[in-house]
Amino acid sequence: DMAIWPWAKLWENQGQDLSKFPHMQRWLEQMAARPAVVKGLAVG
């Protein structure tokens, strides 16, 4: 999950329509709510 999420969170820049991937969307939001994910993303 930690390896895939940083790439998948950039779906908009990759020209994707997230509405086509509802399960991925749920998972993206769930990952983004994790405190450690928030802290790791904030580095730099």
All heavy atoms as atom14 arrays in JSON, in Angstrom:
{
  "sequence": "DMAIWPWAKLWENQGQDLSKFPHMQRWLEQMAARPAVVKGLAVG",
  "atom14_mask": [
    [1, 1, 1, 1, 1, 1, 1, 1, 0, 0, 0, 0, 0, 0],
    [1, 1, 1, 1, 1, 1, 1, 1, 0, 0, 0, 0, 0, 0],
    [1, 1, 1, 1, 1, 0, 0, 0, 0, 0, 0, 0, 0, 0],
    [1, 1, 1, 1, 1, 1, 1, 1, 0, 0, 0, 0, 0, 0],
    [1, 1, 1, 1, 1, 1, 1, 1, 1, 1, 1, 1, 1, 1],
    [1, 1, 1, 1, 1, 1, 1, 0, 0, 0, 0, 0, 0, 0],
    [1, 1, 1, 1, 1, 1, 1, 1, 1, 1, 1, 1, 1, 1],
    [1, 1, 1, 1, 1, 0, 0, 0, 0, 0, 0, 0, 0, 0],
    [1, 1, 1, 1, 1, 1, 1, 1, 1, 0, 0, 0, 0, 0],
    [1, 1, 1, 1, 1, 1, 1, 1, 0, 0, 0, 0, 0, 0],
    [1, 1, 1, 1, 1, 1, 1, 1, 1, 1, 1, 1, 1, 1],
    [1, 1, 1, 1, 1, 1, 1, 1, 1, 0, 0, 0, 0, 0],
    [1, 1, 1, 1, 1, 1, 1, 1, 0, 0, 0, 0, 0, 0],
    [1, 1, 1, 1, 1, 1, 1, 1, 1, 0, 0, 0, 0, 0],
    [1, 1, 1, 1, 0, 0, 0, 0, 0, 0, 0, 0, 0, 0],
    [1, 1, 1, 1, 1, 1, 1, 1, 1, 0, 0, 0, 0, 0],
    [1, 1, 1, 1, 1, 1, 1, 1, 0, 0, 0, 0, 0, 0],
    [1, 1, 1, 1, 1, 1, 1, 1, 0, 0, 0, 0, 0, 0],
    [1, 1, 1, 1, 1, 1, 0, 0, 0, 0, 0, 0, 0, 0],
    [1, 1, 1, 1, 1, 1, 1, 1, 1, 0, 0, 0, 0, 0],
    [1, 1, 1, 1, 1, 1, 1, 1, 1, 1, 1, 0, 0, 0],
    [1, 1, 1, 1, 1, 1, 1, 0, 0, 0, 0, 0, 0, 0],
    [1, 1, 1, 1, 1, 1, 1, 1, 1, 1, 0, 0, 0, 0],
    [1, 1, 1, 1, 1, 1, 1, 1, 0, 0, 0, 0, 0, 0],
    [1, 1, 1, 1, 1, 1, 1, 1, 1, 0, 0, 0, 0, 0],
    [1, 1, 1, 1, 1, 1, 1, 1, 1, 1, 1, 0, 0, 0],
    [1, 1, 1, 1, 1, 1, 1, 1, 1, 1, 1, 1, 1, 1],
    [1, 1, 1, 1, 1, 1, 1, 1, 0, 0, 0, 0, 0, 0],
    [1, 1, 1, 1, 1, 1, 1, 1, 1, 0, 0, 0, 0, 0],
    [1, 1, 1, 1, 1, 1, 1, 1, 1, 0, 0, 0, 0, 0],
    [1, 1, 1, 1, 1, 1, 1, 1, 0, 0, 0, 0, 0, 0],
    [1, 1, 1, 1, 1, 0, 0, 0, 0, 0, 0, 0, 0, 0],
    [1, 1, 1, 1, 1, 0, 0, 0, 0, 0, 0, 0, 0, 0],
    [1, 1, 1, 1, 1, 1, 1, 1, 1, 1, 1, 0, 0, 0],
    [1, 1, 1, 1, 1, 1, 1, 0, 0, 0, 0, 0, 0, 0],
    [1, 1, 1, 1, 1, 0, 0, 0, 0, 0, 0, 0, 0, 0],
    [1, 1, 1, 1, 1, 1, 1, 0, 0, 0, 0, 0, 0, 0],
    [1, 1, 1, 1, 1, 1, 1, 0, 0, 0, 0, 0, 0, 0],
    [1, 1, 1, 1, 1, 1, 1, 1, 1, 0, 0, 0, 0, 0],
    [1, 1, 1, 1, 0, 0, 0, 0, 0, 0, 0, 0, 0, 0],
    [1, 1, 1, 1, 1, 1, 1, 1, 0, 0, 0, 0, 0, 0],
    [1, 1, 1, 1, 1, 0, 0, 0, 0, 0, 0, 0, 0, 0],
    [1, 1, 1, 1, 1, 1, 1, 0, 0, 0, 0, 0, 0, 0],
    [1, 1, 1, 1, 0, 0, 0, 0, 0, 0, 0, 0, 0, 0]
  ],
  "atom14_positions": [
    [[0.83, -1.2, 0.0], [0.0, 0.0, 0.0], [0.87, 1.25, 0.0], [0.59, 2.22, -0.74], [-0.91, 0.01, 1.23], [-1.87, -1.16, 1.26], [-2.88, -1.11, 0.55], [-1.58, -2.12, 2.0], [0.0, 0.0, 0.0], [0.0, 0.0, 0.0], [0.0, 0.0, 0.0], [0.0, 0.0, 0.0], [0.0, 0.0, 0.0], [0.0, 0.0, 0.0]],
    [[1.91, 1.25, 0.82], [2.78, 2.43, 0.92], [3.55, 2.67, -0.37], [3.89, 3.83, -0.69], [3.76, 2.24, 2.08], [3.11, 2.08, 3.43], [4.35, 1.78, 4.71], [3.49, 0.58, 5.72], [0.0, 0.0, 0.0], [0.0, 0.0, 0.0], [0.0, 0.0, 0.0], [0.0, 0.0, 0.0], [0.0, 0.0, 0.0], [0.0, 0.0, 0.0]],
    [[3.84, 1.62, -1.11], [4.57, 1.78, -2.37], [3.67, 2.29, -3.47], [4.08, 3.12, -4.3], [5.18, 0.44, -2.78], [0.0, 0.0, 0.0], [0.0, 0.0, 0.0], [0.0, 0.0, 0.0], [0.0, 0.0, 0.0], [0.0, 0.0, 0.0], [0.0, 0.0, 0.0], [0.0, 0.0, 0.0], [0.0, 0.0, 0.0], [0.0, 0.0, 0.0]],
    [[2.43, 1.84, -3.51], [1.53, 2.17, -4.61], [0.87, 3.53, -4.42], [0.71, 4.29, -5.39], [0.47, 1.06, -4.76], [1.14, -0.25, -5.21], [-0.62, 1.45, -5.75], [0.26, -1.47, -5.11], [0.0, 0.0, 0.0], [0.0, 0.0, 0.0], [0.0, 0.0, 0.0], [0.0, 0.0, 0.0], [0.0, 0.0, 0.0], [0.0, 0.0, 0.0]],
    [[0.52, 3.87, -3.2], [-0.25, 5.1, -2.96], [0.43, 6.37, -3.47], [-0.25, 7.21, -4.08], [-0.57, 5.23, -1.46], [-1.42, 6.41, -1.15], [-2.78, 6.5, -1.28], [-0.98, 7.68, -0.68], [-3.21, 7.75, -0.91], [-2.12, 8.5, -0.54], [0.27, 8.22, -0.36], [-2.04, 9.82, -0.09], [0.35, 9.53, 0.08], [-0.8, 10.32, 0.22]],
    [[1.74, 6.58, -3.25], [2.34, 7.84, -3.71], [2.22, 8.07, -5.21], [2.17, 9.21, -5.66], [3.8, 7.71, -3.28], [3.77, 6.79, -2.11], [2.71, 5.79, -2.47], [0.0, 0.0, 0.0], [0.0, 0.0, 0.0], [0.0, 0.0, 0.0], [0.0, 0.0, 0.0], [0.0, 0.0, 0.0], [0.0, 0.0, 0.0], [0.0, 0.0, 0.0]],
    [[2.19, 7.0, -5.99], [1.97, 7.12, -7.43], [0.5, 7.28, -7.75], [0.11, 8.11, -8.57], [2.56, 5.91, -8.16], [4.05, 5.94, -8.24], [4.93, 5.24, -7.45], [4.83, 6.7, -9.15], [6.21, 5.54, -7.82], [6.19, 6.43, -8.86], [4.54, 7.6, -10.18], [7.24, 7.01, -9.56], [5.59, 8.19, -10.87], [6.92, 7.9, -10.55]],
    [[-0.35, 6.49, -7.09], [-1.77, 6.51, -7.4], [-2.42, 7.83, -7.01], [-3.41, 8.25, -7.64], [-2.47, 5.34, -6.7], [0.0, 0.0, 0.0], [0.0, 0.0, 0.0], [0.0, 0.0, 0.0], [0.0, 0.0, 0.0], [0.0, 0.0, 0.0], [0.0, 0.0, 0.0], [0.0, 0.0, 0.0], [0.0, 0.0, 0.0], [0.0, 0.0, 0.0]],
    [[-1.9, 8.51, -5.98], [-2.48, 9.77, -5.57], [-2.35, 10.85, -6.63], [-3.02, 11.88, -6.58], [-1.84, 10.25, -4.26], [-0.41, 10.76, -4.41], [0.17, 11.26, -3.1], [-0.39, 12.6, -2.69], [0.02, 13.72, -3.59], [0.0, 0.0, 0.0], [0.0, 0.0, 0.0], [0.0, 0.0, 0.0], [0.0, 0.0, 0.0], [0.0, 0.0, 0.0]],
    [[-1.49, 10.63, -7.61], [-1.27, 11.6, -8.68], [-2.1, 11.29, -9.92], [-1.75, 11.7, -11.03], [0.23, 11.63, -9.04], [1.17, 12.0, -7.88], [2.62, 11.9, -8.33], [0.87, 13.4, -7.35], [0.0, 0.0, 0.0], [0.0, 0.0, 0.0], [0.0, 0.0, 0.0], [0.0, 0.0, 0.0], [0.0, 0.0, 0.0], [0.0, 0.0, 0.0]],
    [[-3.2, 10.6, -9.75], [-4.03, 10.15, -10.86], [-4.46, 11.31, -11.77], [-4.54, 11.15, -12.99], [-5.28, 9.44, -10.32], [-6.08, 10.28, -9.37], [-5.94, 10.35, -8.02], [-7.15, 11.18, -9.72], [-6.84, 11.23, -7.49], [-7.59, 11.76, -8.5], [-7.76, 11.55, -10.9], [-8.63, 12.7, -8.45], [-8.8, 12.48, -10.86], [-9.21, 13.03, -9.66]],
    [[-4.69, 12.47, -11.19], [-5.17, 13.6, -12.01], [-4.09, 14.05, -13.0], [-4.38, 14.3, -14.17], [-5.59, 14.76, -11.11], [-6.33, 15.85, -11.83], [-6.95, 16.86, -10.88], [-6.63, 16.83, -9.67], [-7.74, 17.69, -11.35], [0.0, 0.0, 0.0], [0.0, 0.0, 0.0], [0.0, 0.0, 0.0], [0.0, 0.0, 0.0], [0.0, 0.0, 0.0]],
    [[-2.85, 14.13, -12.52], [-1.74, 14.49, -13.41], [-1.5, 13.44, -14.48], [-0.85, 13.73, -15.5], [-0.46, 14.7, -12.61], [-0.47, 16.0, -11.84], [-1.29, 16.87, -12.1], [0.44, 16.13, -10.89], [0.0, 0.0, 0.0], [0.0, 0.0, 0.0], [0.0, 0.0, 0.0], [0.0, 0.0, 0.0], [0.0, 0.0, 0.0], [0.0, 0.0, 0.0]],
    [[-2.0, 12.23, -14.25], [-1.84, 11.14, -15.21], [-3.02, 11.06, -16.18], [-3.14, 10.1, -16.95], [-1.66, 9.82, -14.45], [-0.42, 9.81, -13.57], [-0.53, 8.85, -12.41], [-1.45, 8.04, -12.33], [0.41, 8.95, -11.48], [0.0, 0.0, 0.0], [0.0, 0.0, 0.0], [0.0, 0.0, 0.0], [0.0, 0.0, 0.0], [0.0, 0.0, 0.0]],
    [[-3.9, 12.06, -16.13], [-5.0, 12.13, -17.08], [-6.09, 11.1, -16.85], [-6.76, 10.68, -17.79], [0.0, 0.0, 0.0], [0.0, 0.0, 0.0], [0.0, 0.0, 0.0], [0.0, 0.0, 0.0], [0.0, 0.0, 0.0], [0.0, 0.0, 0.0], [0.0, 0.0, 0.0], [0.0, 0.0, 0.0], [0.0, 0.0, 0.0], [0.0, 0.0, 0.0]],
    [[-6.31, 10.71, -15.59], [-7.27, 9.66, -15.28], [-8.58, 10.22, -14.73], [-8.61, 11.32, -14.15], [-6.67, 8.67, -14.28], [-5.37, 8.05, -14.75], [-5.5, 7.33, -16.07], [-6.43, 6.55, -16.26], [-4.55, 7.54, -16.98], [0.0, 0.0, 0.0], [0.0, 0.0, 0.0], [0.0, 0.0, 0.0], [0.0, 0.0, 0.0], [0.0, 0.0, 0.0]],
    [[-9.64, 9.47, -14.89], [-10.96, 9.79, -14.36], [-11.2, 8.87, -13.17], [-11.49, 7.68, -13.33], [-12.02, 9.58, -15.44], [-13.43, 9.87, -14.95], [-13.6, 10.2, -13.75], [-14.37, 9.75, -15.75], [0.0, 0.0, 0.0], [0.0, 0.0, 0.0], [0.0, 0.0, 0.0], [0.0, 0.0, 0.0], [0.0, 0.0, 0.0], [0.0, 0.0, 0.0]],
    [[-11.08, 9.42, -11.96], [-11.16, 8.59, -10.76], [-12.54, 7.99, -10.57], [-12.68, 6.96, -9.88], [-10.75, 9.42, -9.54], [-10.41, 8.64, -8.27], [-9.26, 7.67, -8.51], [-10.06, 9.6, -7.13], [0.0, 0.0, 0.0], [0.0, 0.0, 0.0], [0.0, 0.0, 0.0], [0.0, 0.0, 0.0], [0.0, 0.0, 0.0], [0.0, 0.0, 0.0]],
    [[-13.56, 8.58, -11.15], [-14.91, 8.03, -10.99], [-15.03, 6.63, -11.61], [-15.95, 5.87, -11.26], [-15.94, 8.97, -11.63], [-15.8, 9.01, -13.04], [0.0, 0.0, 0.0], [0.0, 0.0, 0.0], [0.0, 0.0, 0.0], [0.0, 0.0, 0.0], [0.0, 0.0, 0.0], [0.0, 0.0, 0.0], [0.0, 0.0, 0.0], [0.0, 0.0, 0.0]],
    [[-14.12, 6.28, -12.48], [-14.12, 4.95, -13.08], [-13.53, 3.9, -12.14], [-13.65, 2.7, -12.41], [-13.32, 4.96, -14.39], [-13.93, 5.83, -15.47], [-13.08, 5.79, -16.73], [-13.69, 6.64, -17.84], [-12.86, 6.63, -19.08], [0.0, 0.0, 0.0], [0.0, 0.0, 0.0], [0.0, 0.0, 0.0], [0.0, 0.0, 0.0], [0.0, 0.0, 0.0]],
    [[-12.92, 4.34, -11.05], [-12.22, 3.43, -10.14], [-12.68, 3.68, -8.71], [-11.93, 4.17, -7.87], [-10.7, 3.64, -10.27], [-10.19, 3.66, -11.67], [-9.66, 4.82, -12.23], [-10.23, 2.51, -12.46], [-9.18, 4.84, -13.53], [-9.75, 2.51, -13.76], [-9.23, 3.68, -14.3], [0.0, 0.0, 0.0], [0.0, 0.0, 0.0], [0.0, 0.0, 0.0]],
    [[-13.93, 3.33, -8.37], [-14.48, 3.66, -7.05], [-13.76, 2.98, -5.89], [-13.65, 3.56, -4.81], [-15.94, 3.21, -7.17], [-15.93, 2.18, -8.26], [-14.9, 2.63, -9.23], [0.0, 0.0, 0.0], [0.0, 0.0, 0.0], [0.0, 0.0, 0.0], [0.0, 0.0, 0.0], [0.0, 0.0, 0.0], [0.0, 0.0, 0.0], [0.0, 0.0, 0.0]],
    [[-13.32, 1.76, -6.1], [-12.63, 1.05, -5.01], [-11.25, 1.66, -4.76], [-10.82, 1.79, -3.61], [-12.51, -0.44, -5.34], [-13.83, -1.06, -5.71], [-14.87, -1.15, -4.82], [-14.27, -1.6, -6.88], [-15.91, -1.72, -5.41], [-15.57, -2.0, -6.66], [0.0, 0.0, 0.0], [0.0, 0.0, 0.0], [0.0, 0.0, 0.0], [0.0, 0.0, 0.0]],
    [[-10.58, 2.04, -5.82], [-9.31, 2.75, -5.69], [-9.52, 4.09, -5.0], [-8.72, 4.48, -4.14], [-8.7, 2.95, -7.08], [-7.47, 3.81, -7.11], [-6.85, 3.99, -8.81], [-5.82, 5.45, -8.63], [0.0, 0.0, 0.0], [0.0, 0.0, 0.0], [0.0, 0.0, 0.0], [0.0, 0.0, 0.0], [0.0, 0.0, 0.0], [0.0, 0.0, 0.0]],
    [[-10.59, 4.79, -5.34], [-10.88, 6.08, -4.71], [-11.08, 5.92, -3.21], [-10.54, 6.7, -2.41], [-12.13, 6.7, -5.34], [-12.46, 8.08, -4.77], [-13.62, 8.73, -5.49], [-14.31, 8.1, -6.27], [-13.84, 10.01, -5.24], [0.0, 0.0, 0.0], [0.0, 0.0, 0.0], [0.0, 0.0, 0.0], [0.0, 0.0, 0.0], [0.0, 0.0, 0.0]],
    [[-11.85, 4.91, -2.8], [-12.04, 4.65, -1.36], [-10.72, 4.41, -0.67], [-10.43, 4.96, 0.39], [-12.98, 3.45, -1.21], [-13.34, 3.08, 0.23], [-12.4, 2.08, 0.84], [-12.22, 0.89, 0.02], [-11.22, 0.03, 0.17], [-10.27, 0.24, 1.08], [-11.12, -1.02, -0.61], [0.0, 0.0, 0.0], [0.0, 0.0, 0.0], [0.0, 0.0, 0.0]],
    [[-9.87, 3.61, -1.3], [-8.56, 3.27, -0.72], [-7.66, 4.5, -0.66], [-6.95, 4.7, 0.33], [-7.94, 2.15, -1.55], [-6.52, 1.84, -1.26], [-6.02, 1.09, -0.24], [-5.39, 2.25, -2.03], [-4.65, 1.0, -0.31], [-4.25, 1.71, -1.41], [-5.23, 3.01, -3.19], [-2.96, 1.93, -1.91], [-3.96, 3.23, -3.69], [-2.84, 2.69, -3.05]],
    [[-7.64, 5.32, -1.71], [-6.84, 6.54, -1.7], [-7.21, 7.43, -0.52], [-6.33, 7.96, 0.17], [-7.04, 7.31, -3.01], [-6.36, 6.78, -4.27], [-6.86, 7.54, -5.49], [-4.85, 6.88, -4.16], [0.0, 0.0, 0.0], [0.0, 0.0, 0.0], [0.0, 0.0, 0.0], [0.0, 0.0, 0.0], [0.0, 0.0, 0.0], [0.0, 0.0, 0.0]],
    [[-8.5, 7.59, -0.29], [-8.96, 8.43, 0.81], [-8.61, 7.82, 2.16], [-8.22, 8.53, 3.1], [-10.47, 8.64, 0.69], [-10.87, 9.44, -0.54], [-12.36, 9.45, -0.79], [-13.09, 8.72, -0.07], [-12.82, 10.15, -1.71], [0.0, 0.0, 0.0], [0.0, 0.0, 0.0], [0.0, 0.0, 0.0], [0.0, 0.0, 0.0], [0.0, 0.0, 0.0]],
    [[-8.72, 6.51, 2.26], [-8.38, 5.83, 3.51], [-6.9, 5.97, 3.82], [-6.51, 6.23, 4.97], [-8.76, 4.35, 3.37], [-8.64, 3.54, 4.64], [-9.2, 2.14, 4.46], [-9.83, 1.83, 3.44], [-8.97, 1.29, 5.43], [0.0, 0.0, 0.0], [0.0, 0.0, 0.0], [0.0, 0.0, 0.0], [0.0, 0.0, 0.0], [0.0, 0.0, 0.0]],
    [[-6.06, 5.82, 2.8], [-4.62, 5.98, 2.99], [-4.28, 7.42, 3.39], [-3.46, 7.65, 4.29], [-3.89, 5.62, 1.7], [-3.88, 4.14, 1.36], [-2.8, 3.19, 2.47], [-1.19, 3.86, 2.05], [0.0, 0.0, 0.0], [0.0, 0.0, 0.0], [0.0, 0.0, 0.0], [0.0, 0.0, 0.0], [0.0, 0.0, 0.0], [0.0, 0.0, 0.0]],
    [[-4.89, 8.38, 2.72], [-4.59, 9.79, 2.96], [-4.96, 10.23, 4.37], [-4.45, 11.25, 4.86], [-5.29, 10.67, 1.94], [0.0, 0.0, 0.0], [0.0, 0.0, 0.0], [0.0, 0.0, 0.0], [0.0, 0.0, 0.0], [0.0, 0.0, 0.0], [0.0, 0.0, 0.0], [0.0, 0.0, 0.0], [0.0, 0.0, 0.0], [0.0, 0.0, 0.0]],
    [[-5.82, 9.47, 5.04], [-6.25, 9.81, 6.39], [-5.32, 9.25, 7.47], [-5.47, 9.6, 8.65], [-7.67, 9.29, 6.64], [0.0, 0.0, 0.0], [0.0, 0.0, 0.0], [0.0, 0.0, 0.0], [0.0, 0.0, 0.0], [0.0, 0.0, 0.0], [0.0, 0.0, 0.0], [0.0, 0.0, 0.0], [0.0, 0.0, 0.0], [0.0, 0.0, 0.0]],
    [[-4.36, 8.43, 7.09], [-3.45, 7.85, 8.08], [-2.44, 8.92, 8.52], [-1.78, 9.54, 7.68], [-2.71, 6.64, 7.5], [-3.62, 5.46, 7.19], [-2.79, 4.27, 6.7], [-1.93, 3.73, 7.75], [-2.29, 2.78, 8.62], [-3.53, 2.26, 8.56], [-1.46, 2.35, 9.53], [0.0, 0.0, 0.0], [0.0, 0.0, 0.0], [0.0, 0.0, 0.0]],
    [[-2.28, 9.13, 9.84], [-1.35, 10.16, 10.31], [0.08, 9.99, 9.8], [0.74, 10.98, 9.45], [-1.42, 10.02, 11.84], [-2.78, 9.47, 12.1], [-3.05, 8.54, 10.95], [0.0, 0.0, 0.0], [0.0, 0.0, 0.0], [0.0, 0.0, 0.0], [0.0, 0.0, 0.0], [0.0, 0.0, 0.0], [0.0, 0.0, 0.0], [0.0, 0.0, 0.0]],
    [[0.57, 8.76, 9.75], [1.94, 8.54, 9.3], [2.09, 8.85, 7.81], [3.14, 9.32, 7.37], [2.37, 7.1, 9.58], [0.0, 0.0, 0.0], [0.0, 0.0, 0.0], [0.0, 0.0, 0.0], [0.0, 0.0, 0.0], [0.0, 0.0, 0.0], [0.0, 0.0, 0.0], [0.0, 0.0, 0.0], [0.0, 0.0, 0.0], [0.0, 0.0, 0.0]],
    [[1.05, 8.6, 7.04], [1.09, 8.93, 5.62], [1.15, 10.45, 5.46], [1.92, 10.97, 4.63], [-0.13, 8.34, 4.89], [-0.21, 8.86, 3.46], [-0.04, 6.81, 4.89], [0.0, 0.0, 0.0], [0.0, 0.0, 0.0], [0.0, 0.0, 0.0], [0.0, 0.0, 0.0], [0.0, 0.0, 0.0], [0.0, 0.0, 0.0], [0.0, 0.0, 0.0]],
    [[0.36, 11.16, 6.23], [0.38, 12.62, 6.19], [1.76, 13.15, 6.54], [2.31, 14.03, 5.86], [-0.68, 13.2, 7.15], [-0.58, 14.71, 7.23], [-2.08, 12.78, 6.71], [0.0, 0.0, 0.0], [0.0, 0.0, 0.0], [0.0, 0.0, 0.0], [0.0, 0.0, 0.0], [0.0, 0.0, 0.0], [0.0, 0.0, 0.0], [0.0, 0.0, 0.0]],
    [[2.38, 12.6, 7.58], [3.71, 13.05, 8.0], [4.77, 12.71, 6.96], [5.64, 13.52, 6.67], [4.07, 12.4, 9.35], [3.27, 12.92, 10.52], [3.69, 12.22, 11.81], [2.9, 12.71, 13.01], [3.29, 12.01, 14.27], [0.0, 0.0, 0.0], [0.0, 0.0, 0.0], [0.0, 0.0, 0.0], [0.0, 0.0, 0.0], [0.0, 0.0, 0.0]],
    [[4.69, 11.51, 6.41], [5.67, 11.11, 5.4], [5.58, 11.96, 4.15], [6.59, 12.33, 3.55], [0.0, 0.0, 0.0], [0.0, 0.0, 0.0], [0.0, 0.0, 0.0], [0.0, 0.0, 0.0], [0.0, 0.0, 0.0], [0.0, 0.0, 0.0], [0.0, 0.0, 0.0], [0.0, 0.0, 0.0], [0.0, 0.0, 0.0], [0.0, 0.0, 0.0]],
    [[4.37, 12.31, 3.76], [4.16, 13.13, 2.58], [4.66, 14.56, 2.79], [5.04, 15.24, 1.83], [2.67, 13.14, 2.22], [2.26, 13.77, 0.9], [2.84, 12.99, -0.27], [0.74, 13.84, 0.79], [0.0, 0.0, 0.0], [0.0, 0.0, 0.0], [0.0, 0.0, 0.0], [0.0, 0.0, 0.0], [0.0, 0.0, 0.0], [0.0, 0.0, 0.0]],
    [[4.68, 15.01, 4.03], [5.08, 16.38, 4.34], [6.58, 16.58, 4.38], [7.05, 17.72, 4.41], [4.47, 16.81, 5.68], [0.0, 0.0, 0.0], [0.0, 0.0, 0.0], [0.0, 0.0, 0.0], [0.0, 0.0, 0.0], [0.0, 0.0, 0.0], [0.0, 0.0, 0.0], [0.0, 0.0, 0.0], [0.0, 0.0, 0.0], [0.0, 0.0, 0.0]],
    [[7.35, 15.5, 4.35], [8.82, 15.63, 4.42], [9.31, 16.35, 3.15], [9.07, 15.9, 2.04], [9.49, 14.25, 4.55], [11.01, 14.39, 4.51], [9.05, 13.57, 5.84], [0.0, 0.0, 0.0], [0.0, 0.0, 0.0], [0.0, 0.0, 0.0], [0.0, 0.0, 0.0], [0.0, 0.0, 0.0], [0.0, 0.0, 0.0], [0.0, 0.0, 0.0]],
    [[9.98, 17.46, 3.36], [10.49, 18.22, 2.22], [9.43, 18.97, 1.45], [9.66, 19.37, 0.3], [0.0, 0.0, 0.0], [0.0, 0.0, 0.0], [0.0, 0.0, 0.0], [0.0, 0.0, 0.0], [0.0, 0.0, 0.0], [0.0, 0.0, 0.0], [0.0, 0.0, 0.0], [0.0, 0.0, 0.0], [0.0, 0.0, 0.0], [0.0, 0.0, 0.0]]
  ]
}
